[in-house]
Amino acid sequence: MVEISRGLLGAICCGGVPAVLVIGAGVAYGESVLSLTAKGVIWVVAVAWAGIGCLVNGRSCGRVHCRIDGIAFPLLALVGALNVFSIITFDWNLFWLAFIVILVGSFVPEWTWKKYS
């Protein structure tokens, strides 16, 4: 029987599944299978999933980036949901730019200060 480490399982659940959702939704939209709204909903769910996974994982592992992403990604998903419902309007490229800035920025404290909180 193959044993999967907790870190690998966390990476698959917290990052792998959302990545597949994001890429799959983008491809389906490009092939005109999904509407822009449906793609946005899937993207929001994927970012919320990653954020909640980071929040749960951060409570057990104590990594600083997990704690930051666990707060920032669900907030970003909320902003994305506001975009889906046209309460606010912005380009989805800005959404993904914010995601990348949060993701990279969450590792800065680990590189410059400390890895565990």
PDB file of N, CA and C in Angstrom:
ATOM      1  N   MET A   1       0.851  -1.186   0.000  1.00  0.00           N
ATOM      2  CA  MET A   1       0.000   0.000   0.000  1.00  0.00           C
ATOM      3  C   MET A   1       0.888   1.239   0.000  1.00  0.00           C
ATOM      4  N   VAL A   2       0.526   2.210  -0.798  1.00  0.00           N
ATOM      5  CA  VAL A   2       1.293   3.441  -0.891  1.00  0.00           C
ATOM      6  C   VAL A   2       0.847   4.376   0.224  1.00  0.00           C
ATOM      7  N   GLU A   3       1.832   4.890   0.943  1.00  0.00           N
ATOM      8  CA  GLU A   3       1.524   5.823   2.019  1.00  0.00           C
ATOM      9  C   GLU A   3       1.845   7.231   1.538  1.00  0.00           C
ATOM     10  N   ILE A   4       0.876   8.123   1.682  1.00  0.00           N
ATOM     11  CA  ILE A   4       1.050   9.512   1.261  1.00  0.00           C
ATOM     12  C   ILE A   4       1.319  10.348   2.500  1.00  0.00           C
ATOM     13  N   SER A   5       2.368  11.165   2.436  1.00  0.00           N
ATOM     14  CA  SER A   5       2.695  12.014   3.576  1.00  0.00           C
ATOM     15  C   SER A   5       1.619  13.074   3.769  1.00  0.00           C
ATOM     16  N   ARG A   6       1.521  13.556   4.986  1.00  0.00           N
ATOM     17  CA  ARG A   6       0.527  14.577   5.307  1.00  0.00           C
ATOM     18  C   ARG A   6       0.750  15.845   4.489  1.00  0.00           C
ATOM     19  N   GLY A   7       2.003  16.208   4.275  1.00  0.00           N
ATOM     20  CA  GLY A   7       2.314  17.402   3.493  1.00  0.00           C
ATOM     21  C   GLY A   7       1.883  17.261   2.043  1.00  0.00           C
ATOM     22  N   LEU A   8       2.117  16.088   1.465  1.00  0.00           N
ATOM     23  CA  LEU A   8       1.713  15.851   0.083  1.00  0.00           C
ATOM     24  C   LEU A   8       0.196  15.838  -0.038  1.00  0.00           C
ATOM     25  N   LEU A   9      -0.461  15.203   0.902  1.00  0.00           N
ATOM     26  CA  LEU A   9      -1.920  15.175   0.892  1.00  0.00           C
ATOM     27  C   LEU A   9      -2.490  16.586   1.015  1.00  0.00           C
ATOM     28  N   GLY A  10      -1.890  17.386   1.898  1.00  0.00           N
ATOM     29  CA  GLY A  10      -2.320  18.777   2.051  1.00  0.00           C
ATOM     30  C   GLY A  10      -2.112  19.572   0.769  1.00  0.00           C
ATOM     31  N   ALA A  11      -0.987  19.349   0.106  1.00  0.00           N
ATOM     32  CA  ALA A  11      -0.706  20.065  -1.140  1.00  0.00           C
ATOM     33  C   ALA A  11      -1.701  19.684  -2.227  1.00  0.00           C
ATOM     34  N   ILE A  12      -2.045  18.412  -2.293  1.00  0.00           N
ATOM     35  CA  ILE A  12      -3.009  17.964  -3.295  1.00  0.00           C
ATOM     36  C   ILE A  12      -4.386  18.546  -3.013  1.00  0.00           C
ATOM     37  N   CYS A  13      -4.816  18.466  -1.761  1.00  0.00           N
ATOM     38  CA  CYS A  13      -6.158  18.950  -1.405  1.00  0.00           C
ATOM     39  C   CYS A  13      -6.244  20.473  -1.440  1.00  0.00           C
ATOM     40  N   CYS A  14      -5.243  21.141  -0.910  1.00  0.00           N
ATOM     41  CA  CYS A  14      -5.298  22.605  -0.801  1.00  0.00           C
ATOM     42  C   CYS A  14      -4.912  23.306  -2.095  1.00  0.00           C
ATOM     43  N   GLY A  15      -4.047  22.708  -2.866  1.00  0.00           N
ATOM     44  CA  GLY A  15      -3.587  23.365  -4.081  1.00  0.00           C
ATOM     45  C   GLY A  15      -3.936  22.630  -5.356  1.00  0.00           C
ATOM     46  N   GLY A  16      -3.855  21.313  -5.319  1.00  0.00           N
ATOM     47  CA  GLY A  16      -4.064  20.525  -6.530  1.00  0.00           C
ATOM     48  C   GLY A  16      -5.484  20.573  -7.051  1.00  0.00           C
ATOM     49  N   VAL A  17      -6.437  20.311  -6.193  1.00  0.00           N
ATOM     50  CA  VAL A  17      -7.847  20.317  -6.608  1.00  0.00           C
ATOM     51  C   VAL A  17      -8.258  21.704  -7.097  1.00  0.00           C
ATOM     52  N   PRO A  18      -7.962  22.772  -6.341  1.00  0.00           N
ATOM     53  CA  PRO A  18      -8.316  24.096  -6.866  1.00  0.00           C
ATOM     54  C   PRO A  18      -7.628  24.418  -8.199  1.00  0.00           C
ATOM     55  N   ALA A  19      -6.388  23.994  -8.367  1.00  0.00           N
ATOM     56  CA  ALA A  19      -5.684  24.254  -9.629  1.00  0.00           C
ATOM     57  C   ALA A  19      -6.377  23.551 -10.789  1.00  0.00           C
ATOM     58  N   VAL A  20      -6.801  22.315 -10.568  1.00  0.00           N
ATOM     59  CA  VAL A  20      -7.524  21.580 -11.613  1.00  0.00           C
ATOM     60  C   VAL A  20      -8.842  22.280 -11.938  1.00  0.00           C
ATOM     61  N   LEU A  21      -9.542  22.759 -10.909  1.00  0.00           N
ATOM     62  CA  LEU A  21     -10.795  23.489 -11.137  1.00  0.00           C
ATOM     63  C   LEU A  21     -10.561  24.755 -11.960  1.00  0.00           C
ATOM     64  N   VAL A  22      -9.536  25.513 -11.588  1.00  0.00           N
ATOM     65  CA  VAL A  22      -9.232  26.773 -12.283  1.00  0.00           C
ATOM     66  C   VAL A  22      -8.863  26.515 -13.739  1.00  0.00           C
ATOM     67  N   ILE A  23      -7.970  25.578 -13.965  1.00  0.00           N
ATOM     68  CA  ILE A  23      -7.530  25.291 -15.335  1.00  0.00           C
ATOM     69  C   ILE A  23      -8.676  24.701 -16.148  1.00  0.00           C
ATOM     70  N   GLY A  24      -9.406  23.763 -15.539  1.00  0.00           N
ATOM     71  CA  GLY A  24     -10.536  23.154 -16.244  1.00  0.00           C
ATOM     72  C   GLY A  24     -11.594  24.171 -16.626  1.00  0.00           C
ATOM     73  N   ALA A  25     -11.903  25.091 -15.721  1.00  0.00           N
ATOM     74  CA  ALA A  25     -12.898  26.121 -16.016  1.00  0.00           C
ATOM     75  C   ALA A  25     -12.405  27.050 -17.121  1.00  0.00           C
ATOM     76  N   GLY A  26     -11.118  27.372 -17.092  1.00  0.00           N
ATOM     77  CA  GLY A  26     -10.567  28.231 -18.142  1.00  0.00           C
ATOM     78  C   GLY A  26     -10.627  27.579 -19.507  1.00  0.00           C
ATOM     79  N   VAL A  27     -10.293  26.297 -19.557  1.00  0.00           N
ATOM     80  CA  VAL A  27     -10.356  25.557 -20.821  1.00  0.00           C
ATOM     81  C   VAL A  27     -11.805  25.438 -21.293  1.00  0.00           C
ATOM     82  N   ALA A  28     -12.705  25.081 -20.380  1.00  0.00           N
ATOM     83  CA  ALA A  28     -14.123  24.937 -20.745  1.00  0.00           C
ATOM     84  C   ALA A  28     -14.698  26.256 -21.243  1.00  0.00           C
ATOM     85  N   TYR A  29     -14.304  27.357 -20.630  1.00  0.00           N
ATOM     86  CA  TYR A  29     -14.751  28.677 -21.094  1.00  0.00           C
ATOM     87  C   TYR A  29     -14.193  28.965 -22.489  1.00  0.00           C
ATOM     88  N   GLY A  30     -12.922  28.646 -22.684  1.00  0.00           N
ATOM     89  CA  GLY A  30     -12.301  28.858 -23.993  1.00  0.00           C
ATOM     90  C   GLY A  30     -12.955  28.044 -25.092  1.00  0.00           C
ATOM     91  N   GLU A  31     -13.491  26.885 -24.738  1.00  0.00           N
ATOM     92  CA  GLU A  31     -14.181  26.030 -25.704  1.00  0.00           C
ATOM     93  C   GLU A  31     -15.680  26.346 -25.769  1.00  0.00           C
ATOM     94  N   SER A  32     -16.104  27.424 -25.119  1.00  0.00           N
ATOM     95  CA  SER A  32     -17.500  27.868 -25.074  1.00  0.00           C
ATOM     96  C   SER A  32     -18.438  26.857 -24.425  1.00  0.00           C
ATOM     97  N   VAL A  33     -17.895  26.070 -23.497  1.00  0.00           N
ATOM     98  CA  VAL A  33     -18.713  25.120 -22.748  1.00  0.00           C
ATOM     99  C   VAL A  33     -19.302  25.795 -21.515  1.00  0.00           C
ATOM    100  N   LEU A  34     -18.551  26.737 -20.938  1.00  0.00           N
ATOM    101  CA  LEU A  34     -18.997  27.473 -19.757  1.00  0.00           C
ATOM    102  C   LEU A  34     -19.192  28.946 -20.094  1.00  0.00           C
ATOM    103  N   SER A  35     -20.123  29.561 -19.413  1.00  0.00           N
ATOM    104  CA  SER A  35     -20.296  31.004 -19.530  1.00  0.00           C
ATOM    105  C   SER A  35     -19.254  31.702 -18.655  1.00  0.00           C
ATOM    106  N   LEU A  36     -19.095  32.986 -18.853  1.00  0.00           N
ATOM    107  CA  LEU A  36     -18.171  33.767 -18.032  1.00  0.00           C
ATOM    108  C   LEU A  36     -18.597  33.710 -16.565  1.00  0.00           C
ATOM    109  N   THR A  37     -19.898  33.754 -16.321  1.00  0.00           N
ATOM    110  CA  THR A  37     -20.399  33.681 -14.946  1.00  0.00           C
ATOM    111  C   THR A  37     -20.071  32.343 -14.312  1.00  0.00           C
ATOM    112  N   ALA A  38     -20.288  31.255 -15.040  1.00  0.00           N
ATOM    113  CA  ALA A  38     -19.986  29.922 -14.506  1.00  0.00           C
ATOM    114  C   ALA A  38     -18.492  29.776 -14.233  1.00  0.00           C
ATOM    115  N   LYS A  39     -17.676  30.295 -15.138  1.00  0.00           N
ATOM    116  CA  LYS A  39     -16.228  30.257 -14.928  1.00  0.00           C
ATOM    117  C   LYS A  39     -15.866  31.037 -13.674  1.00  0.00           C
ATOM    118  N   GLY A  40     -16.468  32.193 -13.498  1.00  0.00           N
ATOM    119  CA  GLY A  40     -16.205  33.000 -12.305  1.00  0.00           C
ATOM    120  C   GLY A  40     -16.608  32.278 -11.033  1.00  0.00           C
ATOM    121  N   VAL A  41     -17.754  31.621 -11.060  1.00  0.00           N
ATOM    122  CA  VAL A  41     -18.204  30.868  -9.882  1.00  0.00           C
ATOM    123  C   VAL A  41     -17.209  29.766  -9.535  1.00  0.00           C
ATOM    124  N   ILE A  42     -16.759  29.033 -10.530  1.00  0.00           N
ATOM    125  CA  ILE A  42     -15.793  27.953 -10.282  1.00  0.00           C
ATOM    126  C   ILE A  42     -14.492  28.526  -9.750  1.00  0.00           C
ATOM    127  N   TRP A  43     -14.038  29.643 -10.303  1.00  0.00           N
ATOM    128  CA  TRP A  43     -12.805  30.259  -9.824  1.00  0.00           C
ATOM    129  C   TRP A  43     -12.942  30.717  -8.374  1.00  0.00           C
ATOM    130  N   VAL A  44     -14.073  31.300  -8.044  1.00  0.00           N
ATOM    131  CA  VAL A  44     -14.313  31.760  -6.671  1.00  0.00           C
ATOM    132  C   VAL A  44     -14.320  30.567  -5.718  1.00  0.00           C
ATOM    133  N   VAL A  45     -14.984  29.492  -6.112  1.00  0.00           N
ATOM    134  CA  VAL A  45     -15.016  28.280  -5.281  1.00  0.00           C
ATOM    135  C   VAL A  45     -13.606  27.724  -5.097  1.00  0.00           C
ATOM    136  N   ALA A  46     -12.827  27.708  -6.163  1.00  0.00           N
ATOM    137  CA  ALA A  46     -11.460  27.168  -6.085  1.00  0.00           C
ATOM    138  C   ALA A  46     -10.590  27.992  -5.134  1.00  0.00           C
ATOM    139  N   VAL A  47     -10.679  29.315  -5.214  1.00  0.00           N
ATOM    140  CA  VAL A  47      -9.868  30.168  -4.336  1.00  0.00           C
ATOM    141  C   VAL A  47     -10.352  30.052  -2.889  1.00  0.00           C
ATOM    142  N   ALA A  48     -11.663  29.979  -2.692  1.00  0.00           N
ATOM    143  CA  ALA A  48     -12.195  29.784  -1.336  1.00  0.00           C
ATOM    144  C   ALA A  48     -11.749  28.437  -0.780  1.00  0.00           C
ATOM    145  N   TRP A  49     -11.788  27.400  -1.609  1.00  0.00           N
ATOM    146  CA  TRP A  49     -11.354  26.057  -1.208  1.00  0.00           C
ATOM    147  C   TRP A  49      -9.885  26.098  -0.774  1.00  0.00           C
ATOM    148  N   ALA A  50      -9.043  26.722  -1.590  1.00  0.00           N
ATOM    149  CA  ALA A  50      -7.621  26.819  -1.255  1.00  0.00           C
ATOM    150  C   ALA A  50      -7.429  27.599   0.044  1.00  0.00           C
ATOM    151  N   GLY A  51      -8.175  28.673   0.209  1.00  0.00           N
ATOM    152  CA  GLY A  51      -8.039  29.490   1.408  1.00  0.00           C
ATOM    153  C   GLY A  51      -8.480  28.752   2.663  1.00  0.00           C
ATOM    154  N   ILE A  52      -9.604  28.075   2.584  1.00  0.00           N
ATOM    155  CA  ILE A  52     -10.072  27.317   3.747  1.00  0.00           C
ATOM    156  C   ILE A  52      -9.117  26.172   4.052  1.00  0.00           C
ATOM    157  N   GLY A  53      -8.605  25.533   3.004  1.00  0.00           N
ATOM    158  CA  GLY A  53      -7.606  24.484   3.211  1.00  0.00           C
ATOM    159  C   GLY A  53      -6.357  25.023   3.881  1.00  0.00           C
ATOM    160  N   CYS A  54      -5.910  26.195   3.469  1.00  0.00           N
ATOM    161  CA  CYS A  54      -4.740  26.827   4.091  1.00  0.00           C
ATOM    162  C   CYS A  54      -5.024  27.184   5.549  1.00  0.00           C
ATOM    163  N   LEU A  55      -6.226  27.683   5.802  1.00  0.00           N
ATOM    164  CA  LEU A  55      -6.593  28.040   7.169  1.00  0.00           C
ATOM    165  C   LEU A  55      -6.578  26.826   8.081  1.00  0.00           C
ATOM    166  N   VAL A  56      -7.180  25.735   7.629  1.00  0.00           N
ATOM    167  CA  VAL A  56      -7.201  24.500   8.415  1.00  0.00           C
ATOM    168  C   VAL A  56      -5.787  23.953   8.577  1.00  0.00           C
ATOM    169  N   ASN A  57      -5.040  23.924   7.487  1.00  0.00           N
ATOM    170  CA  ASN A  57      -3.673  23.413   7.543  1.00  0.00           C
ATOM    171  C   ASN A  57      -2.790  24.292   8.420  1.00  0.00           C
ATOM    172  N   GLY A  58      -2.978  25.598   8.343  1.00  0.00           N
ATOM    173  CA  GLY A  58      -2.172  26.523   9.137  1.00  0.00           C
ATOM    174  C   GLY A  58      -2.373  26.344  10.629  1.00  0.00           C
ATOM    175  N   ARG A  59      -3.555  25.929  11.012  1.00  0.00           N
ATOM    176  CA  ARG A  59      -3.816  25.688  12.439  1.00  0.00           C
ATOM    177  C   ARG A  59      -3.013  24.504  12.956  1.00  0.00           C
ATOM    178  N   SER A  60      -2.775  23.513  12.100  1.00  0.00           N
ATOM    179  CA  SER A  60      -2.032  22.337  12.564  1.00  0.00           C
ATOM    180  C   SER A  60      -0.535  22.440  12.307  1.00  0.00           C
ATOM    181  N   CYS A  61      -0.147  23.018  11.172  1.00  0.00           N
ATOM    182  CA  CYS A  61       1.289  23.056  10.863  1.00  0.00           C
ATOM    183  C   CYS A  61       1.972  24.314  11.384  1.00  0.00           C
ATOM    184  N   GLY A  62       1.225  25.403  11.507  1.00  0.00           N
ATOM    185  CA  GLY A  62       1.797  26.633  12.039  1.00  0.00           C
ATOM    186  C   GLY A  62       2.624  27.444  11.065  1.00  0.00           C
ATOM    187  N   ARG A  63       2.636  27.086   9.779  1.00  0.00           N
ATOM    188  CA  ARG A  63       3.403  27.859   8.809  1.00  0.00           C
ATOM    189  C   ARG A  63       2.782  29.238   8.621  1.00  0.00           C
ATOM    190  N   VAL A  64       3.631  30.241   8.568  1.00  0.00           N
ATOM    191  CA  VAL A  64       3.178  31.620   8.452  1.00  0.00           C
ATOM    192  C   VAL A  64       2.402  31.826   7.151  1.00  0.00           C
ATOM    193  N   HIS A  65       2.904  31.286   6.029  1.00  0.00           N
ATOM    194  CA  HIS A  65       2.205  31.509   4.761  1.00  0.00           C
ATOM    195  C   HIS A  65       0.822  30.861   4.766  1.00  0.00           C
ATOM    196  N   CYS A  66       0.664  29.753   5.463  1.00  0.00           N
ATOM    197  CA  CYS A  66      -0.658  29.109   5.550  1.00  0.00           C
ATOM    198  C   CYS A  66      -1.644  30.009   6.293  1.00  0.00           C
ATOM    199  N   ARG A  67      -1.169  30.612   7.341  1.00  0.00           N
ATOM    200  CA  ARG A  67      -2.051  31.490   8.117  1.00  0.00           C
ATOM    201  C   ARG A  67      -2.433  32.734   7.318  1.00  0.00           C
ATOM    202  N   ILE A  68      -1.486  33.302   6.584  1.00  0.00           N
ATOM    203  CA  ILE A  68      -1.776  34.482   5.763  1.00  0.00           C
ATOM    204  C   ILE A  68      -2.741  34.120   4.638  1.00  0.00           C
ATOM    205  N   ASP A  69      -2.419  33.063   3.896  1.00  0.00           N
ATOM    206  CA  ASP A  69      -3.271  32.647   2.784  1.00  0.00           C
ATOM    207  C   ASP A  69      -4.647  32.200   3.266  1.00  0.00           C
ATOM    208  N   GLY A  70      -4.695  31.606   4.455  1.00  0.00           N
ATOM    209  CA  GLY A  70      -5.957  31.146   5.014  1.00  0.00           C
ATOM    210  C   GLY A  70      -6.915  32.275   5.344  1.00  0.00           C
ATOM    211  N   ILE A  71      -6.397  33.461   5.504  1.00  0.00           N
ATOM    212  CA  ILE A  71      -7.245  34.632   5.729  1.00  0.00           C
ATOM    213  C   ILE A  71      -7.469  35.381   4.412  1.00  0.00           C
ATOM    214  N   ALA A  72      -6.402  35.580   3.650  1.00  0.00           N
ATOM    215  CA  ALA A  72      -6.479  36.423   2.456  1.00  0.00           C
ATOM    216  C   ALA A  72      -7.237  35.761   1.305  1.00  0.00           C
ATOM    217  N   PHE A  73      -7.080  34.461   1.082  1.00  0.00           N
ATOM    218  CA  PHE A  73      -7.762  33.817  -0.036  1.00  0.00           C
ATOM    219  C   PHE A  73      -9.283  33.808   0.118  1.00  0.00           C
ATOM    220  N   PRO A  74      -9.831  33.479   1.293  1.00  0.00           N
ATOM    221  CA  PRO A  74     -11.291  33.578   1.411  1.00  0.00           C
ATOM    222  C   PRO A  74     -11.800  35.019   1.215  1.00  0.00           C
ATOM    223  N   LEU A  75     -11.034  35.998   1.666  1.00  0.00           N
ATOM    224  CA  LEU A  75     -11.429  37.390   1.424  1.00  0.00           C
ATOM    225  C   LEU A  75     -11.404  37.710  -0.070  1.00  0.00           C
ATOM    226  N   LEU A  76     -10.388  37.211  -0.756  1.00  0.00           N
ATOM    227  CA  LEU A  76     -10.313  37.403  -2.209  1.00  0.00           C
ATOM    228  C   LEU A  76     -11.479  36.694  -2.890  1.00  0.00           C
ATOM    229  N   ALA A  77     -11.830  35.509  -2.417  1.00  0.00           N
ATOM    230  CA  ALA A  77     -12.975  34.788  -2.980  1.00  0.00           C
ATOM    231  C   ALA A  77     -14.262  35.588  -2.783  1.00  0.00           C
ATOM    232  N   LEU A  78     -14.382  36.230  -1.640  1.00  0.00           N
ATOM    233  CA  LEU A  78     -15.556  37.072  -1.390  1.00  0.00           C
ATOM    234  C   LEU A  78     -15.613  38.226  -2.389  1.00  0.00           C
ATOM    235  N   VAL A  79     -14.485  38.851  -2.638  1.00  0.00           N
ATOM    236  CA  VAL A  79     -14.421  39.934  -3.635  1.00  0.00           C
ATOM    237  C   VAL A  79     -14.763  39.382  -5.018  1.00  0.00           C
ATOM    238  N   GLY A  80     -14.260  38.189  -5.326  1.00  0.00           N
ATOM    239  CA  GLY A  80     -14.600  37.554  -6.599  1.00  0.00           C
ATOM    240  C   GLY A  80     -16.085  37.268  -6.715  1.00  0.00           C
ATOM    241  N   ALA A  81     -16.716  36.843  -5.618  1.00  0.00           N
ATOM    242  CA  ALA A  81     -18.158  36.593  -5.629  1.00  0.00           C
ATOM    243  C   ALA A  81     -18.923  37.891  -5.894  1.00  0.00           C
ATOM    244  N   LEU A  82     -18.445  38.990  -5.339  1.00  0.00           N
ATOM    245  CA  LEU A  82     -19.068  40.282  -5.609  1.00  0.00           C
ATOM    246  C   LEU A  82     -18.969  40.635  -7.093  1.00  0.00           C
ATOM    247  N   ASN A  83     -17.868  40.236  -7.715  1.00  0.00           N
ATOM    248  CA  ASN A  83     -17.689  40.449  -9.144  1.00  0.00           C
ATOM    249  C   ASN A  83     -18.645  39.552  -9.944  1.00  0.00           C
ATOM    250  N   VAL A  84     -18.795  38.297  -9.528  1.00  0.00           N
ATOM    251  CA  VAL A  84     -19.709  37.378 -10.207  1.00  0.00           C
ATOM    252  C   VAL A  84     -21.131  37.934 -10.186  1.00  0.00           C
ATOM    253  N   PHE A  85     -21.545  38.482  -9.046  1.00  0.00           N
ATOM    254  CA  PHE A  85     -22.896  39.013  -8.905  1.00  0.00           C
ATOM    255  C   PHE A  85     -23.019  40.462  -9.388  1.00  0.00           C
ATOM    256  N   SER A  86     -21.962  40.983  -9.998  1.00  0.00           N
ATOM    257  CA  SER A  86     -21.931  42.344 -10.564  1.00  0.00           C
ATOM    258  C   SER A  86     -22.215  43.435  -9.537  1.00  0.00           C
ATOM    259  N   ILE A  87     -21.897  43.169  -8.287  1.00  0.00           N
ATOM    260  CA  ILE A  87     -22.000  44.202  -7.257  1.00  0.00           C
ATOM    261  C   ILE A  87     -20.835  45.173  -7.413  1.00  0.00           C
ATOM    262  N   ILE A  88     -19.688  44.613  -7.732  1.00  0.00           N
ATOM    263  CA  ILE A  88     -18.532  45.389  -8.169  1.00  0.00           C
ATOM    264  C   ILE A  88     -18.081  44.771  -9.484  1.00  0.00           C
ATOM    265  N   THR A  89     -17.314  45.500 -10.257  1.00  0.00           N
ATOM    266  CA  THR A  89     -16.886  44.986 -11.546  1.00  0.00           C
ATOM    267  C   THR A  89     -15.397  45.228 -11.737  1.00  0.00           C
ATOM    268  N   PHE A  90     -14.695  44.182 -12.094  1.00  0.00           N
ATOM    269  CA  PHE A  90     -13.281  44.275 -12.447  1.00  0.00           C
ATOM    270  C   PHE A  90     -12.941  43.110 -13.353  1.00  0.00           C
ATOM    271  N   ASP A  91     -11.827  43.218 -14.022  1.00  0.00           N
ATOM    272  CA  ASP A  91     -11.368  42.170 -14.922  1.00  0.00           C
ATOM    273  C   ASP A  91     -10.831  40.998 -14.108  1.00  0.00           C
ATOM    274  N   TRP A  92     -11.086  39.776 -14.559  1.00  0.00           N
ATOM    275  CA  TRP A  92     -10.612  38.599 -13.828  1.00  0.00           C
ATOM    276  C   TRP A  92      -9.085  38.518 -13.797  1.00  0.00           C
ATOM    277  N   ASN A  93      -8.413  39.173 -14.737  1.00  0.00           N
ATOM    278  CA  ASN A  93      -6.949  39.215 -14.677  1.00  0.00           C
ATOM    279  C   ASN A  93      -6.472  39.915 -13.406  1.00  0.00           C
ATOM    280  N   LEU A  94      -7.207  40.928 -12.974  1.00  0.00           N
ATOM    281  CA  LEU A  94      -6.876  41.615 -11.726  1.00  0.00           C
ATOM    282  C   LEU A  94      -7.057  40.674 -10.530  1.00  0.00           C
ATOM    283  N   PHE A  95      -8.093  39.860 -10.587  1.00  0.00           N
ATOM    284  CA  PHE A  95      -8.336  38.860  -9.542  1.00  0.00           C
ATOM    285  C   PHE A  95      -7.132  37.923  -9.419  1.00  0.00           C
ATOM    286  N   TRP A  96      -6.656  37.410 -10.560  1.00  0.00           N
ATOM    287  CA  TRP A  96      -5.525  36.478 -10.526  1.00  0.00           C
ATOM    288  C   TRP A  96      -4.212  37.177 -10.179  1.00  0.00           C
ATOM    289  N   LEU A  97      -4.081  38.442 -10.553  1.00  0.00           N
ATOM    290  CA  LEU A  97      -2.906  39.208 -10.127  1.00  0.00           C
ATOM    291  C   LEU A  97      -2.895  39.331  -8.605  1.00  0.00           C
ATOM    292  N   ALA A  98      -4.049  39.641  -8.028  1.00  0.00           N
ATOM    293  CA  ALA A  98      -4.157  39.732  -6.568  1.00  0.00           C
ATOM    294  C   ALA A  98      -3.835  38.386  -5.922  1.00  0.00           C
ATOM    295  N   PHE A  99      -4.311  37.297  -6.522  1.00  0.00           N
ATOM    296  CA  PHE A  99      -4.022  35.962  -6.003  1.00  0.00           C
ATOM    297  C   PHE A  99      -2.511  35.704  -5.967  1.00  0.00           C
ATOM    298  N   ILE A 100      -1.833  36.001  -7.077  1.00  0.00           N
ATOM    299  CA  ILE A 100      -0.379  35.776  -7.158  1.00  0.00           C
ATOM    300  C   ILE A 100       0.362  36.663  -6.163  1.00  0.00           C
ATOM    301  N   VAL A 101      -0.050  37.922  -6.037  1.00  0.00           N
ATOM    302  CA  VAL A 101       0.592  38.838  -5.080  1.00  0.00           C
ATOM    303  C   VAL A 101       0.430  38.310  -3.654  1.00  0.00           C
ATOM    304  N   ILE A 102      -0.779  37.847  -3.321  1.00  0.00           N
ATOM    305  CA  ILE A 102      -1.008  37.278  -1.986  1.00  0.00           C
ATOM    306  C   ILE A 102      -0.154  36.038  -1.786  1.00  0.00           C
ATOM    307  N   LEU A 103      -0.157  35.145  -2.759  1.00  0.00           N
ATOM    308  CA  LEU A 103       0.591  33.897  -2.640  1.00  0.00           C
ATOM    309  C   LEU A 103       2.085  34.144  -2.451  1.00  0.00           C
ATOM    310  N   VAL A 104       2.667  34.953  -3.306  1.00  0.00           N
ATOM    311  CA  VAL A 104       4.104  35.236  -3.202  1.00  0.00           C
ATOM    312  C   VAL A 104       4.385  36.053  -1.944  1.00  0.00           C
ATOM    313  N   GLY A 105       3.533  37.042  -1.692  1.00  0.00           N
ATOM    314  CA  GLY A 105       3.724  37.887  -0.518  1.00  0.00           C
ATOM    315  C   GLY A 105       3.634  37.123   0.793  1.00  0.00           C
ATOM    316  N   SER A 106       2.857  36.061   0.819  1.00  0.00           N
ATOM    317  CA  SER A 106       2.718  35.293   2.059  1.00  0.00           C
ATOM    318  C   SER A 106       3.987  34.535   2.424  1.00  0.00           C
ATOM    319  N   PHE A 107       4.865  34.330   1.453  1.00  0.00           N
ATOM    320  CA  PHE A 107       6.125  33.651   1.743  1.00  0.00           C
ATOM    321  C   PHE A 107       7.225  34.615   2.183  1.00  0.00           C
ATOM    322  N   VAL A 108       7.051  35.907   1.941  1.00  0.00           N
ATOM    323  CA  VAL A 108       8.075  36.890   2.313  1.00  0.00           C
ATOM    324  C   VAL A 108       8.408  36.831   3.801  1.00  0.00           C
ATOM    325  N   PRO A 109       7.413  36.784   4.709  1.00  0.00           N
ATOM    326  CA  PRO A 109       7.770  36.686   6.130  1.00  0.00           C
ATOM    327  C   PRO A 109       8.572  35.419   6.453  1.00  0.00           C
ATOM    328  N   GLU A 110       8.280  34.330   5.744  1.00  0.00           N
ATOM    329  CA  GLU A 110       9.038  33.094   5.981  1.00  0.00           C
ATOM    330  C   GLU A 110      10.481  33.230   5.514  1.00  0.00           C
ATOM    331  N   TRP A 111      10.689  33.937   4.412  1.00  0.00           N
ATOM    332  CA  TRP A 111      12.040  34.107   3.888  1.00  0.00           C
ATOM    333  C   TRP A 111      12.852  35.114   4.694  1.00  0.00           C
ATOM    334  N   THR A 112      12.175  36.094   5.270  1.00  0.00           N
ATOM    335  CA  THR A 112      12.893  37.182   5.937  1.00  0.00           C
ATOM    336  C   THR A 112      12.830  37.159   7.451  1.00  0.00           C
ATOM    337  N   TRP A 113      11.890  36.421   8.006  1.00  0.00           N
ATOM    338  CA  TRP A 113      11.679  36.509   9.442  1.00  0.00           C
ATOM    339  C   TRP A 113      11.634  35.133  10.074  1.00  0.00           C
ATOM    340  N   LYS A 114      10.512  34.463   9.988  1.00  0.00           N
ATOM    341  CA  LYS A 114      10.410  33.126  10.564  1.00  0.00           C
ATOM    342  C   LYS A 114       9.403  32.288   9.812  1.00  0.00           C
ATOM    343  N   LYS A 115       9.613  30.991   9.825  1.00  0.00           N
ATOM    344  CA  LYS A 115       8.795  30.067   9.059  1.00  0.00           C
ATOM    345  C   LYS A 115       7.523  29.668   9.795  1.00  0.00           C
ATOM    346  N   TYR A 116       7.611  29.564  11.110  1.00  0.00           N
ATOM    347  CA  TYR A 116       6.470  29.096  11.898  1.00  0.00           C
ATOM    348  C   TYR A 116       6.015  30.165  12.865  1.00  0.00           C
ATOM    349  N   SER A 117       4.701  30.259  13.055  1.00  0.00           N
ATOM    350  CA  SER A 117       4.170  31.259  13.978  1.00  0.00           C
ATOM    351  C   SER A 117       3.980  30.651  15.363  1.00  0.00           C
TER     352      SER A 117
END
